[in-house]
Amino acid sequence: MPAAQRSHGIVVSVQRVHRALTAPRVRMAEPARDLRAEIELFTNNPIPALPR
């Protein structure tokens, strides 16, 4: 999803999934690690300001 289409709500929801993927029962699973890395890239890009 292009950064211009990322709303605050989407980023917050994705961060919630990231936190869930750190639970002890899934933390070390390769798919969980891969997805956490993707989420970190997704959320590290700044969200552009809404046009006025």
C-alpha atoms as a PDB file:
ATOM      1  CA  MET A   1       0.000   0.000   0.000  1.00  0.00           C
ATOM      2  CA  PRO A   2       1.510   3.332  -0.977  1.00  0.00           C
ATOM      3  CA  ALA A   3       2.343   5.585   1.963  1.00  0.00           C
ATOM      4  CA  ALA A   4      -0.171   8.151   0.679  1.00  0.00           C
ATOM      5  CA  GLN A   5      -2.997   5.665   1.293  1.00  0.00           C
ATOM      6  CA  ARG A   6      -2.008   4.674   4.831  1.00  0.00           C
ATOM      7  CA  SER A   7      -4.286   6.175   7.405  1.00  0.00           C
ATOM      8  CA  HIS A   8      -3.475   6.330  11.086  1.00  0.00           C
ATOM      9  CA  GLY A   9      -6.056   3.609  11.720  1.00  0.00           C
ATOM     10  CA  ILE A  10      -4.405   1.215   9.270  1.00  0.00           C
ATOM     11  CA  VAL A  11      -0.986   1.749  10.809  1.00  0.00           C
ATOM     12  CA  VAL A  12      -2.360   1.224  14.329  1.00  0.00           C
ATOM     13  CA  SER A  13      -4.069  -2.006  13.236  1.00  0.00           C
ATOM     14  CA  VAL A  14      -0.899  -3.306  11.613  1.00  0.00           C
ATOM     15  CA  GLN A  15       1.073  -2.467  14.760  1.00  0.00           C
ATOM     16  CA  ARG A  16      -1.451  -4.486  16.767  1.00  0.00           C
ATOM     17  CA  VAL A  17      -0.731  -7.507  14.545  1.00  0.00           C
ATOM     18  CA  HIS A  18       3.006  -6.906  15.054  1.00  0.00           C
ATOM     19  CA  ARG A  19       2.544  -7.047  18.824  1.00  0.00           C
ATOM     20  CA  ALA A  20       0.537 -10.267  18.514  1.00  0.00           C
ATOM     21  CA  LEU A  21       3.405 -11.806  16.543  1.00  0.00           C
ATOM     22  CA  THR A  22       5.726 -11.300  19.517  1.00  0.00           C
ATOM     23  CA  ALA A  23       3.713 -13.677  21.723  1.00  0.00           C
ATOM     24  CA  PRO A  24       5.928 -16.455  23.131  1.00  0.00           C
ATOM     25  CA  ARG A  25       4.123 -19.228  21.262  1.00  0.00           C
ATOM     26  CA  VAL A  26       4.777 -17.685  17.811  1.00  0.00           C
ATOM     27  CA  ARG A  27       7.723 -15.345  18.351  1.00  0.00           C
ATOM     28  CA  MET A  28      10.396 -17.711  16.985  1.00  0.00           C
ATOM     29  CA  ALA A  29       8.397 -19.091  14.035  1.00  0.00           C
ATOM     30  CA  GLU A  30       9.948 -18.065  10.739  1.00  0.00           C
ATOM     31  CA  PRO A  31       6.675 -16.781   9.218  1.00  0.00           C
ATOM     32  CA  ALA A  32       6.102 -14.599  12.298  1.00  0.00           C
ATOM     33  CA  ARG A  33       9.627 -13.190  12.093  1.00  0.00           C
ATOM     34  CA  ASP A  34       9.232 -12.493   8.374  1.00  0.00           C
ATOM     35  CA  LEU A  35       5.899 -10.772   8.846  1.00  0.00           C
ATOM     36  CA  ARG A  36       7.215  -8.674  11.737  1.00  0.00           C
ATOM     37  CA  ALA A  37      10.062  -7.487   9.478  1.00  0.00           C
ATOM     38  CA  GLU A  38       7.586  -6.557   6.738  1.00  0.00           C
ATOM     39  CA  ILE A  39       5.403  -4.706   9.225  1.00  0.00           C
ATOM     40  CA  GLU A  40       8.412  -2.775  10.514  1.00  0.00           C
ATOM     41  CA  LEU A  41       9.210  -1.636   6.975  1.00  0.00           C
ATOM     42  CA  PHE A  42       5.569  -0.710   6.404  1.00  0.00           C
ATOM     43  CA  THR A  43       5.263   1.323   9.594  1.00  0.00           C
ATOM     44  CA  ASN A  44       8.680   3.010   9.384  1.00  0.00           C
ATOM     45  CA  ASN A  45       7.624   5.048   6.359  1.00  0.00           C
ATOM     46  CA  PRO A  46       6.055   8.320   7.462  1.00  0.00           C
ATOM     47  CA  ILE A  47       2.375   8.859   6.844  1.00  0.00           C
ATOM     48  CA  PRO A  48       1.870  11.960   4.708  1.00  0.00           C
ATOM     49  CA  ALA A  49      -0.234  14.760   6.104  1.00  0.00           C
ATOM     50  CA  LEU A  50      -3.814  14.964   4.955  1.00  0.00           C
ATOM     51  CA  PRO A  51      -4.460  17.728   2.413  1.00  0.00           C
ATOM     52  CA  ARG A  52      -6.298  20.737   3.771  1.00  0.00           C
END
